[in-house]
Amino acid sequence: MSSTTSLKLPDALKTRIAQVAALEGKTAHALMVDTLQEAMEDALARQQLYADGEASYQETLNTNAVFGAADVKTYVLTRLQGGKPARPQARPLNGAKPMVAPND
């Protein structure tokens, strides 16, 4: 069931909404509802991204294992070319210095 919500919009924004709605063949109400729905979906996806990133970071801290970017790149490219490379070896995390490949 829908409920009514009142928004006070600046006149300029209200005018732009009406213009865009007309161009899209929608009512101003439909445009605002669609826009709010999309904004909520984006916000929820962003929150999930942050939560996933935090979980990955905590897992890294707990396992103390990371992989060198150059090692992973070589592994992936070799797999894409049909090769069967050995999996990259995890390295201990040292938060005091950035990770660099040995040949960088």
PDB file of N, CA and C in Angstrom:
ATOM      1  N   MET A   1       0.827  -1.172   0.000  1.00  0.00           N
ATOM      2  CA  MET A   1       0.000   0.000   0.000  1.00  0.00           C
ATOM      3  C   MET A   1       0.879   1.245   0.000  1.00  0.00           C
ATOM      4  N   SER A   2       0.511   2.234  -0.719  1.00  0.00           N
ATOM      5  CA  SER A   2       1.255   3.481  -0.801  1.00  0.00           C
ATOM      6  C   SER A   2       0.805   4.441   0.280  1.00  0.00           C
ATOM      7  N   SER A   3       1.739   5.261   0.720  1.00  0.00           N
ATOM      8  CA  SER A   3       1.397   6.323   1.651  1.00  0.00           C
ATOM      9  C   SER A   3       1.823   7.649   1.044  1.00  0.00           C
ATOM     10  N   THR A   4       1.209   8.709   1.503  1.00  0.00           N
ATOM     11  CA  THR A   4       1.483  10.029   0.957  1.00  0.00           C
ATOM     12  C   THR A   4       2.609  10.686   1.736  1.00  0.00           C
ATOM     13  N   THR A   5       3.548  11.271   1.007  1.00  0.00           N
ATOM     14  CA  THR A   5       4.641  12.030   1.588  1.00  0.00           C
ATOM     15  C   THR A   5       4.682  13.382   0.907  1.00  0.00           C
ATOM     16  N   SER A   6       4.893  14.393   1.678  1.00  0.00           N
ATOM     17  CA  SER A   6       4.933  15.742   1.123  1.00  0.00           C
ATOM     18  C   SER A   6       6.376  16.229   1.084  1.00  0.00           C
ATOM     19  N   LEU A   7       6.766  16.793  -0.047  1.00  0.00           N
ATOM     20  CA  LEU A   7       8.107  17.362  -0.199  1.00  0.00           C
ATOM     21  C   LEU A   7       7.979  18.821  -0.594  1.00  0.00           C
ATOM     22  N   LYS A   8       8.788  19.651   0.027  1.00  0.00           N
ATOM     23  CA  LYS A   8       8.845  21.047  -0.388  1.00  0.00           C
ATOM     24  C   LYS A   8      10.031  21.165  -1.337  1.00  0.00           C
ATOM     25  N   LEU A   9       9.724  21.464  -2.597  1.00  0.00           N
ATOM     26  CA  LEU A   9      10.755  21.546  -3.625  1.00  0.00           C
ATOM     27  C   LEU A   9      10.985  22.999  -4.017  1.00  0.00           C
ATOM     28  N   PRO A  10      12.244  23.363  -4.248  1.00  0.00           N
ATOM     29  CA  PRO A  10      12.500  24.696  -4.797  1.00  0.00           C
ATOM     30  C   PRO A  10      11.817  24.815  -6.161  1.00  0.00           C
ATOM     31  N   ASP A  11      11.372  26.011  -6.487  1.00  0.00           N
ATOM     32  CA  ASP A  11      10.648  26.221  -7.745  1.00  0.00           C
ATOM     33  C   ASP A  11      11.461  25.766  -8.957  1.00  0.00           C
ATOM     34  N   ALA A  12      12.756  26.053  -8.953  1.00  0.00           N
ATOM     35  CA  ALA A  12      13.595  25.680 -10.097  1.00  0.00           C
ATOM     36  C   ALA A  12      13.638  24.163 -10.268  1.00  0.00           C
ATOM     37  N   LEU A  13      13.741  23.434  -9.159  1.00  0.00           N
ATOM     38  CA  LEU A  13      13.766  21.971  -9.233  1.00  0.00           C
ATOM     39  C   LEU A  13      12.419  21.441  -9.720  1.00  0.00           C
ATOM     40  N   LYS A  14      11.345  21.999  -9.212  1.00  0.00           N
ATOM     41  CA  LYS A  14      10.013  21.574  -9.627  1.00  0.00           C
ATOM     42  C   LYS A  14       9.828  21.783 -11.132  1.00  0.00           C
ATOM     43  N   THR A  15      10.335  22.887 -11.644  1.00  0.00           N
ATOM     44  CA  THR A  15      10.254  23.165 -13.084  1.00  0.00           C
ATOM     45  C   THR A  15      11.056  22.144 -13.872  1.00  0.00           C
ATOM     46  N   ARG A  16      12.274  21.846 -13.410  1.00  0.00           N
ATOM     47  CA  ARG A  16      13.116  20.860 -14.110  1.00  0.00           C
ATOM     48  C   ARG A  16      12.482  19.483 -14.083  1.00  0.00           C
ATOM     49  N   ILE A  17      11.891  19.115 -12.966  1.00  0.00           N
ATOM     50  CA  ILE A  17      11.213  17.815 -12.877  1.00  0.00           C
ATOM     51  C   ILE A  17      10.091  17.743 -13.904  1.00  0.00           C
ATOM     52  N   ALA A  18       9.314  18.794 -13.994  1.00  0.00           N
ATOM     53  CA  ALA A  18       8.204  18.818 -14.956  1.00  0.00           C
ATOM     54  C   ALA A  18       8.724  18.707 -16.388  1.00  0.00           C
ATOM     55  N   GLN A  19       9.836  19.385 -16.685  1.00  0.00           N
ATOM     56  CA  GLN A  19      10.407  19.333 -18.031  1.00  0.00           C
ATOM     57  C   GLN A  19      10.900  17.932 -18.357  1.00  0.00           C
ATOM     58  N   VAL A  20      11.647  17.335 -17.459  1.00  0.00           N
ATOM     59  CA  VAL A  20      12.191  15.991 -17.699  1.00  0.00           C
ATOM     60  C   VAL A  20      11.063  14.972 -17.787  1.00  0.00           C
ATOM     61  N   ALA A  21      10.078  15.093 -16.921  1.00  0.00           N
ATOM     62  CA  ALA A  21       8.950  14.171 -16.953  1.00  0.00           C
ATOM     63  C   ALA A  21       8.232  14.248 -18.291  1.00  0.00           C
ATOM     64  N   ALA A  22       8.041  15.458 -18.799  1.00  0.00           N
ATOM     65  CA  ALA A  22       7.370  15.618 -20.090  1.00  0.00           C
ATOM     66  C   ALA A  22       8.190  14.971 -21.205  1.00  0.00           C
ATOM     67  N   LEU A  23       9.498  15.159 -21.163  1.00  0.00           N
ATOM     68  CA  LEU A  23      10.361  14.557 -22.185  1.00  0.00           C
ATOM     69  C   LEU A  23      10.318  13.029 -22.142  1.00  0.00           C
ATOM     70  N   GLU A  24      10.162  12.483 -20.948  1.00  0.00           N
ATOM     71  CA  GLU A  24      10.137  11.024 -20.784  1.00  0.00           C
ATOM     72  C   GLU A  24       8.726  10.452 -20.863  1.00  0.00           C
ATOM     73  N   GLY A  25       7.743  11.308 -21.077  1.00  0.00           N
ATOM     74  CA  GLY A  25       6.370  10.831 -21.190  1.00  0.00           C
ATOM     75  C   GLY A  25       5.803  10.322 -19.876  1.00  0.00           C
ATOM     76  N   LYS A  26       6.243  10.914 -18.785  1.00  0.00           N
ATOM     77  CA  LYS A  26       5.780  10.508 -17.459  1.00  0.00           C
ATOM     78  C   LYS A  26       5.160  11.708 -16.760  1.00  0.00           C
ATOM     79  N   THR A  27       4.448  11.416 -15.702  1.00  0.00           N
ATOM     80  CA  THR A  27       4.004  12.500 -14.834  1.00  0.00           C
ATOM     81  C   THR A  27       5.175  12.877 -13.929  1.00  0.00           C
ATOM     82  N   ALA A  28       5.110  14.064 -13.357  1.00  0.00           N
ATOM     83  CA  ALA A  28       6.151  14.482 -12.414  1.00  0.00           C
ATOM     84  C   ALA A  28       6.204  13.507 -11.238  1.00  0.00           C
ATOM     85  N   HIS A  29       5.035  13.069 -10.785  1.00  0.00           N
ATOM     86  CA  HIS A  29       4.972  12.113  -9.689  1.00  0.00           C
ATOM     87  C   HIS A  29       5.709  10.815 -10.051  1.00  0.00           C
ATOM     88  N   ALA A  30       5.418  10.263 -11.224  1.00  0.00           N
ATOM     89  CA  ALA A  30       6.065   9.008 -11.646  1.00  0.00           C
ATOM     90  C   ALA A  30       7.568   9.186 -11.765  1.00  0.00           C
ATOM     91  N   LEU A  31       8.013  10.315 -12.293  1.00  0.00           N
ATOM     92  CA  LEU A  31       9.447  10.573 -12.423  1.00  0.00           C
ATOM     93  C   LEU A  31      10.100  10.610 -11.043  1.00  0.00           C
ATOM     94  N   MET A  32       9.461  11.298 -10.096  1.00  0.00           N
ATOM     95  CA  MET A  32      10.049  11.393  -8.753  1.00  0.00           C
ATOM     96  C   MET A  32      10.085  10.026  -8.071  1.00  0.00           C
ATOM     97  N   VAL A  33       9.031   9.244  -8.204  1.00  0.00           N
ATOM     98  CA  VAL A  33       9.002   7.908  -7.599  1.00  0.00           C
ATOM     99  C   VAL A  33      10.099   7.037  -8.214  1.00  0.00           C
ATOM    100  N   ASP A  34      10.206   7.051  -9.543  1.00  0.00           N
ATOM    101  CA  ASP A  34      11.248   6.262 -10.217  1.00  0.00           C
ATOM    102  C   ASP A  34      12.638   6.705  -9.781  1.00  0.00           C
ATOM    103  N   THR A  35      12.835   8.008  -9.710  1.00  0.00           N
ATOM    104  CA  THR A  35      14.143   8.551  -9.327  1.00  0.00           C
ATOM    105  C   THR A  35      14.498   8.180  -7.901  1.00  0.00           C
ATOM    106  N   LEU A  36      13.542   8.289  -6.995  1.00  0.00           N
ATOM    107  CA  LEU A  36      13.791   7.895  -5.605  1.00  0.00           C
ATOM    108  C   LEU A  36      14.077   6.402  -5.490  1.00  0.00           C
ATOM    109  N   GLN A  37      13.353   5.592  -6.235  1.00  0.00           N
ATOM    110  CA  GLN A  37      13.589   4.143  -6.206  1.00  0.00           C
ATOM    111  C   GLN A  37      14.996   3.812  -6.683  1.00  0.00           C
ATOM    112  N   GLU A  38      15.408   4.427  -7.790  1.00  0.00           N
ATOM    113  CA  GLU A  38      16.762   4.196  -8.316  1.00  0.00           C
ATOM    114  C   GLU A  38      17.816   4.665  -7.321  1.00  0.00           C
ATOM    115  N   ALA A  39      17.572   5.814  -6.681  1.00  0.00           N
ATOM    116  CA  ALA A  39      18.531   6.331  -5.698  1.00  0.00           C
ATOM    117  C   ALA A  39      18.656   5.373  -4.511  1.00  0.00           C
ATOM    118  N   MET A  40      17.536   4.796  -4.072  1.00  0.00           N
ATOM    119  CA  MET A  40      17.578   3.846  -2.964  1.00  0.00           C
ATOM    120  C   MET A  40      18.324   2.571  -3.356  1.00  0.00           C
ATOM    121  N   GLU A  41      18.082   2.083  -4.570  1.00  0.00           N
ATOM    122  CA  GLU A  41      18.788   0.890  -5.030  1.00  0.00           C
ATOM    123  C   GLU A  41      20.291   1.153  -5.105  1.00  0.00           C
ATOM    124  N   ASP A  42      20.667   2.332  -5.600  1.00  0.00           N
ATOM    125  CA  ASP A  42      22.085   2.698  -5.665  1.00  0.00           C
ATOM    126  C   ASP A  42      22.693   2.782  -4.266  1.00  0.00           C
ATOM    127  N   ALA A  43      21.953   3.396  -3.338  1.00  0.00           N
ATOM    128  CA  ALA A  43      22.455   3.543  -1.967  1.00  0.00           C
ATOM    129  C   ALA A  43      22.635   2.177  -1.311  1.00  0.00           C
ATOM    130  N   LEU A  44      21.678   1.287  -1.505  1.00  0.00           N
ATOM    131  CA  LEU A  44      21.785  -0.054  -0.917  1.00  0.00           C
ATOM    132  C   LEU A  44      22.944  -0.841  -1.530  1.00  0.00           C
ATOM    133  N   ALA A  45      23.133  -0.699  -2.839  1.00  0.00           N
ATOM    134  CA  ALA A  45      24.264  -1.378  -3.496  1.00  0.00           C
ATOM    135  C   ALA A  45      25.588  -0.825  -2.971  1.00  0.00           C
ATOM    136  N   ARG A  46      25.644   0.493  -2.770  1.00  0.00           N
ATOM    137  CA  ARG A  46      26.860   1.120  -2.246  1.00  0.00           C
ATOM    138  C   ARG A  46      27.135   0.637  -0.827  1.00  0.00           C
ATOM    139  N   GLN A  47      26.103   0.561   0.002  1.00  0.00           N
ATOM    140  CA  GLN A  47      26.275   0.064   1.366  1.00  0.00           C
ATOM    141  C   GLN A  47      26.756  -1.380   1.367  1.00  0.00           C
ATOM    142  N   GLN A  48      26.233  -2.205   0.444  1.00  0.00           N
ATOM    143  CA  GLN A  48      26.679  -3.595   0.354  1.00  0.00           C
ATOM    144  C   GLN A  48      28.142  -3.661  -0.083  1.00  0.00           C
ATOM    145  N   LEU A  49      28.526  -2.790  -1.011  1.00  0.00           N
ATOM    146  CA  LEU A  49      29.916  -2.733  -1.455  1.00  0.00           C
ATOM    147  C   LEU A  49      30.837  -2.401  -0.278  1.00  0.00           C
ATOM    148  N   TYR A  50      30.450  -1.407   0.524  1.00  0.00           N
ATOM    149  CA  TYR A  50      31.251  -1.044   1.694  1.00  0.00           C
ATOM    150  C   TYR A  50      31.328  -2.203   2.685  1.00  0.00           C
ATOM    151  N   ALA A  51      30.205  -2.873   2.918  1.00  0.00           N
ATOM    152  CA  ALA A  51      30.184  -4.000   3.857  1.00  0.00           C
ATOM    153  C   ALA A  51      31.057  -5.144   3.351  1.00  0.00           C
ATOM    154  N   ASP A  52      30.979  -5.437   2.055  1.00  0.00           N
ATOM    155  CA  ASP A  52      31.816  -6.497   1.479  1.00  0.00           C
ATOM    156  C   ASP A  52      33.292  -6.133   1.577  1.00  0.00           C
ATOM    157  N   GLY A  53      33.602  -4.877   1.314  1.00  0.00           N
ATOM    158  CA  GLY A  53      34.990  -4.425   1.414  1.00  0.00           C
ATOM    159  C   GLY A  53      35.511  -4.539   2.834  1.00  0.00           C
ATOM    160  N   GLU A  54      34.702  -4.145   3.800  1.00  0.00           N
ATOM    161  CA  GLU A  54      35.101  -4.250   5.203  1.00  0.00           C
ATOM    162  C   GLU A  54      35.292  -5.707   5.606  1.00  0.00           C
ATOM    163  N   ALA A  55      34.405  -6.589   5.144  1.00  0.00           N
ATOM    164  CA  ALA A  55      34.540  -8.019   5.458  1.00  0.00           C
ATOM    165  C   ALA A  55      35.824  -8.581   4.862  1.00  0.00           C
ATOM    166  N   SER A  56      36.133  -8.174   3.633  1.00  0.00           N
ATOM    167  CA  SER A  56      37.376  -8.642   2.998  1.00  0.00           C
ATOM    168  C   SER A  56      38.591  -8.126   3.752  1.00  0.00           C
ATOM    169  N   TYR A  57      38.534  -6.863   4.174  1.00  0.00           N
ATOM    170  CA  TYR A  57      39.640  -6.281   4.934  1.00  0.00           C
ATOM    171  C   TYR A  57      39.837  -7.029   6.252  1.00  0.00           C
ATOM    172  N   GLN A  58      38.729  -7.313   6.954  1.00  0.00           N
ATOM    173  CA  GLN A  58      38.832  -8.041   8.223  1.00  0.00           C
ATOM    174  C   GLN A  58      39.376  -9.454   8.002  1.00  0.00           C
ATOM    175  N   GLU A  59      38.967 -10.098   6.899  1.00  0.00           N
ATOM    176  CA  GLU A  59      39.493 -11.427   6.588  1.00  0.00           C
ATOM    177  C   GLU A  59      40.995 -11.362   6.338  1.00  0.00           C
ATOM    178  N   THR A  60      41.434 -10.325   5.644  1.00  0.00           N
ATOM    179  CA  THR A  60      42.864 -10.155   5.398  1.00  0.00           C
ATOM    180  C   THR A  60      43.614  -9.976   6.710  1.00  0.00           C
ATOM    181  N   LEU A  61      43.064  -9.171   7.607  1.00  0.00           N
ATOM    182  CA  LEU A  61      43.718  -8.981   8.907  1.00  0.00           C
ATOM    183  C   LEU A  61      43.750 -10.282   9.701  1.00  0.00           C
ATOM    184  N   ASN A  62      42.676 -11.057   9.621  1.00  0.00           N
ATOM    185  CA  ASN A  62      42.609 -12.318  10.378  1.00  0.00           C
ATOM    186  C   ASN A  62      43.542 -13.382   9.815  1.00  0.00           C
ATOM    187  N   THR A  63      43.649 -13.474   8.493  1.00  0.00           N
ATOM    188  CA  THR A  63      44.490 -14.507   7.889  1.00  0.00           C
ATOM    189  C   THR A  63      45.928 -14.046   7.727  1.00  0.00           C
ATOM    190  N   ASN A  64      46.130 -12.728   7.736  1.00  0.00           N
ATOM    191  CA  ASN A  64      47.452 -12.139   7.549  1.00  0.00           C
ATOM    192  C   ASN A  64      48.073 -12.592   6.228  1.00  0.00           C
ATOM    193  N   ALA A  65      47.238 -12.783   5.208  1.00  0.00           N
ATOM    194  CA  ALA A  65      47.728 -13.264   3.916  1.00  0.00           C
ATOM    195  C   ALA A  65      47.217 -12.361   2.795  1.00  0.00           C
ATOM    196  N   VAL A  66      48.138 -11.996   1.936  1.00  0.00           N
ATOM    197  CA  VAL A  66      47.794 -11.193   0.762  1.00  0.00           C
ATOM    198  C   VAL A  66      48.519 -11.781  -0.444  1.00  0.00           C
ATOM    199  N   PHE A  67      48.121 -11.342  -1.623  1.00  0.00           N
ATOM    200  CA  PHE A  67      48.748 -11.819  -2.848  1.00  0.00           C
ATOM    201  C   PHE A  67      49.328 -10.635  -3.596  1.00  0.00           C
ATOM    202  N   GLY A  68      50.504 -10.825  -4.177  1.00  0.00           N
ATOM    203  CA  GLY A  68      51.124  -9.778  -4.966  1.00  0.00           C
ATOM    204  C   GLY A  68      50.364  -9.557  -6.267  1.00  0.00           C
ATOM    205  N   ALA A  69      50.139  -8.302  -6.614  1.00  0.00           N
ATOM    206  CA  ALA A  69      49.380  -7.977  -7.818  1.00  0.00           C
ATOM    207  C   ALA A  69      50.042  -8.552  -9.068  1.00  0.00           C
ATOM    208  N   ALA A  70      51.354  -8.469  -9.155  1.00  0.00           N
ATOM    209  CA  ALA A  70      52.061  -8.983 -10.331  1.00  0.00           C
ATOM    210  C   ALA A  70      51.898 -10.499 -10.437  1.00  0.00           C
ATOM    211  N   ASP A  71      51.929 -11.180  -9.292  1.00  0.00           N
ATOM    212  CA  ASP A  71      51.750 -12.643  -9.285  1.00  0.00           C
ATOM    213  C   ASP A  71      50.348 -13.017  -9.765  1.00  0.00           C
ATOM    214  N   VAL A  72      49.340 -12.284  -9.282  1.00  0.00           N
ATOM    215  CA  VAL A  72      47.960 -12.561  -9.677  1.00  0.00           C
ATOM    216  C   VAL A  72      47.754 -12.260 -11.152  1.00  0.00           C
ATOM    217  N   LYS A  73      48.331 -11.157 -11.614  1.00  0.00           N
ATOM    218  CA  LYS A  73      48.203 -10.789 -13.034  1.00  0.00           C
ATOM    219  C   LYS A  73      48.809 -11.872 -13.919  1.00  0.00           C
ATOM    220  N   THR A  74      49.993 -12.328 -13.579  1.00  0.00           N
ATOM    221  CA  THR A  74      50.648 -13.377 -14.355  1.00  0.00           C
ATOM    222  C   THR A  74      49.806 -14.654 -14.355  1.00  0.00           C
ATOM    223  N   TYR A  75      49.275 -14.999 -13.195  1.00  0.00           N
ATOM    224  CA  TYR A  75      48.444 -16.196 -13.069  1.00  0.00           C
ATOM    225  C   TYR A  75      47.212 -16.100 -13.972  1.00  0.00           C
ATOM    226  N   VAL A  76      46.504 -14.979 -13.891  1.00  0.00           N
ATOM    227  CA  VAL A  76      45.274 -14.811 -14.668  1.00  0.00           C
ATOM    228  C   VAL A  76      45.567 -14.800 -16.165  1.00  0.00           C
ATOM    229  N   LEU A  77      46.583 -14.063 -16.578  1.00  0.00           N
ATOM    230  CA  LEU A  77      46.910 -14.000 -18.006  1.00  0.00           C
ATOM    231  C   LEU A  77      47.321 -15.364 -18.555  1.00  0.00           C
ATOM    232  N   THR A  78      48.072 -16.120 -17.769  1.00  0.00           N
ATOM    233  CA  THR A  78      48.481 -17.461 -18.198  1.00  0.00           C
ATOM    234  C   THR A  78      47.265 -18.373 -18.325  1.00  0.00           C
ATOM    235  N   ARG A  79      46.333 -18.284 -17.372  1.00  0.00           N
ATOM    236  CA  ARG A  79      45.100 -19.080 -17.444  1.00  0.00           C
ATOM    237  C   ARG A  79      44.278 -18.703 -18.670  1.00  0.00           C
ATOM    238  N   LEU A  80      44.198 -17.399 -18.966  1.00  0.00           N
ATOM    239  CA  LEU A  80      43.434 -16.950 -20.126  1.00  0.00           C
ATOM    240  C   LEU A  80      44.024 -17.467 -21.434  1.00  0.00           C
ATOM    241  N   GLN A  81      45.320 -17.702 -21.440  1.00  0.00           N
ATOM    242  CA  GLN A  81      45.987 -18.209 -22.642  1.00  0.00           C
ATOM    243  C   GLN A  81      45.985 -19.731 -22.687  1.00  0.00           C
ATOM    244  N   GLY A  82      45.256 -20.354 -21.757  1.00  0.00           N
ATOM    245  CA  GLY A  82      45.131 -21.808 -21.769  1.00  0.00           C
ATOM    246  C   GLY A  82      46.162 -22.526 -20.933  1.00  0.00           C
ATOM    247  N   GLY A  83      47.031 -21.795 -20.266  1.00  0.00           N
ATOM    248  CA  GLY A  83      48.059 -22.418 -19.443  1.00  0.00           C
ATOM    249  C   GLY A  83      47.507 -22.904 -18.115  1.00  0.00           C
ATOM    250  N   LYS A  84      48.321 -23.665 -17.404  1.00  0.00           N
ATOM    251  CA  LYS A  84      47.939 -24.179 -16.090  1.00  0.00           C
ATOM    252  C   LYS A  84      49.018 -23.796 -15.076  1.00  0.00           C
ATOM    253  N   PRO A  85      49.079 -22.512 -14.754  1.00  0.00           N
ATOM    254  CA  PRO A  85      50.121 -22.051 -13.824  1.00  0.00           C
ATOM    255  C   PRO A  85      49.821 -22.471 -12.388  1.00  0.00           C
ATOM    256  N   ALA A  86      50.861 -22.479 -11.577  1.00  0.00           N
ATOM    257  CA  ALA A  86      50.674 -22.724 -10.146  1.00  0.00           C
ATOM    258  C   ALA A  86      49.971 -21.510  -9.548  1.00  0.00           C
ATOM    259  N   ARG A  87      49.158 -21.751  -8.538  1.00  0.00           N
ATOM    260  CA  ARG A  87      48.464 -20.642  -7.884  1.00  0.00           C
ATOM    261  C   ARG A  87      49.495 -19.711  -7.232  1.00  0.00           C
ATOM    262  N   PRO A  88      49.216 -18.431  -7.220  1.00  0.00           N
ATOM    263  CA  PRO A  88      50.132 -17.504  -6.533  1.00  0.00           C
ATOM    264  C   PRO A  88      50.218 -17.853  -5.049  1.00  0.00           C
ATOM    265  N   GLN A  89      51.368 -17.632  -4.482  1.00  0.00           N
ATOM    266  CA  GLN A  89      51.570 -17.914  -3.063  1.00  0.00           C
ATOM    267  C   GLN A  89      51.209 -16.689  -2.226  1.00  0.00           C
ATOM    268  N   ALA A  90      50.506 -16.940  -1.144  1.00  0.00           N
ATOM    269  CA  ALA A  90      50.154 -15.853  -0.228  1.00  0.00           C
ATOM    270  C   ALA A  90      51.410 -15.370   0.478  1.00  0.00           C
ATOM    271  N   ARG A  91      51.411 -14.081   0.741  1.00  0.00           N
ATOM    272  CA  ARG A  91      52.512 -13.472   1.486  1.00  0.00           C
ATOM    273  C   ARG A  91      51.945 -12.915   2.782  1.00  0.00           C
ATOM    274  N   PRO A  92      52.763 -12.829   3.814  1.00  0.00           N
ATOM    275  CA  PRO A  92      52.258 -12.214   5.045  1.00  0.00           C
ATOM    276  C   PRO A  92      52.032 -10.716   4.831  1.00  0.00           C
ATOM    277  N   LEU A  93      50.993 -10.216   5.439  1.00  0.00           N
ATOM    278  CA  LEU A  93      50.668  -8.803   5.352  1.00  0.00           C
ATOM    279  C   LEU A  93      51.601  -8.013   6.245  1.00  0.00           C
ATOM    280  N   ASN A  94      52.207  -6.984   5.703  1.00  0.00           N
ATOM    281  CA  ASN A  94      53.024  -6.066   6.492  1.00  0.00           C
ATOM    282  C   ASN A  94      52.419  -4.689   6.295  1.00  0.00           C
ATOM    283  N   GLY A  95      51.627  -4.263   7.257  1.00  0.00           N
ATOM    284  CA  GLY A  95      50.937  -2.999   7.153  1.00  0.00           C
ATOM    285  C   GLY A  95      51.847  -1.793   7.200  1.00  0.00           C
ATOM    286  N   ALA A  96      53.116  -1.986   7.577  1.00  0.00           N
ATOM    287  CA  ALA A  96      54.035  -0.859   7.694  1.00  0.00           C
ATOM    288  C   ALA A  96      54.579  -0.406   6.346  1.00  0.00           C
ATOM    289  N   LYS A  97      54.466  -1.243   5.338  1.00  0.00           N
ATOM    290  CA  LYS A  97      54.995  -0.844   4.023  1.00  0.00           C
ATOM    291  C   LYS A  97      54.082  -1.338   2.924  1.00  0.00           C
ATOM    292  N   PRO A  98      54.030  -0.610   1.813  1.00  0.00           N
ATOM    293  CA  PRO A  98      53.205  -1.070   0.708  1.00  0.00           C
ATOM    294  C   PRO A  98      53.801  -2.315   0.060  1.00  0.00           C
ATOM    295  N   MET A  99      52.930  -3.155  -0.474  1.00  0.00           N
ATOM    296  CA  MET A  99      53.407  -4.351  -1.171  1.00  0.00           C
ATOM    297  C   MET A  99      53.877  -3.998  -2.555  1.00  0.00           C
ATOM    298  N   VAL A 100      55.039  -4.437  -2.925  1.00  0.00           N
ATOM    299  CA  VAL A 100      55.539  -4.259  -4.278  1.00  0.00           C
ATOM    300  C   VAL A 100      56.079  -5.597  -4.741  1.00  0.00           C
ATOM    301  N   ALA A 101      55.979  -5.822  -6.023  1.00  0.00           N
ATOM    302  CA  ALA A 101      56.524  -7.057  -6.592  1.00  0.00           C
ATOM    303  C   ALA A 101      58.049  -6.994  -6.490  1.00  0.00           C
ATOM    304  N   PRO A 102      58.699  -8.144  -6.321  1.00  0.00           N
ATOM    305  CA  PRO A 102      60.159  -8.167  -6.173  1.00  0.00           C
ATOM    306  C   PRO A 102      60.896  -7.495  -7.328  1.00  0.00           C
ATOM    307  N   ASN A 103      60.317  -7.508  -8.536  1.00  0.00           N
ATOM    308  CA  ASN A 103      61.018  -6.939  -9.672  1.00  0.00           C
ATOM    309  C   ASN A 103      60.570  -5.510  -9.985  1.00  0.00           C
ATOM    310  N   ASP A 104      59.778  -4.907  -9.120  1.00  0.00           N
ATOM    311  CA  ASP A 104      59.327  -3.526  -9.341  1.00  0.00           C
ATOM    312  C   ASP A 104      60.317  -2.541  -8.798  1.00  0.00           C
TER     313      ASP A 104
END
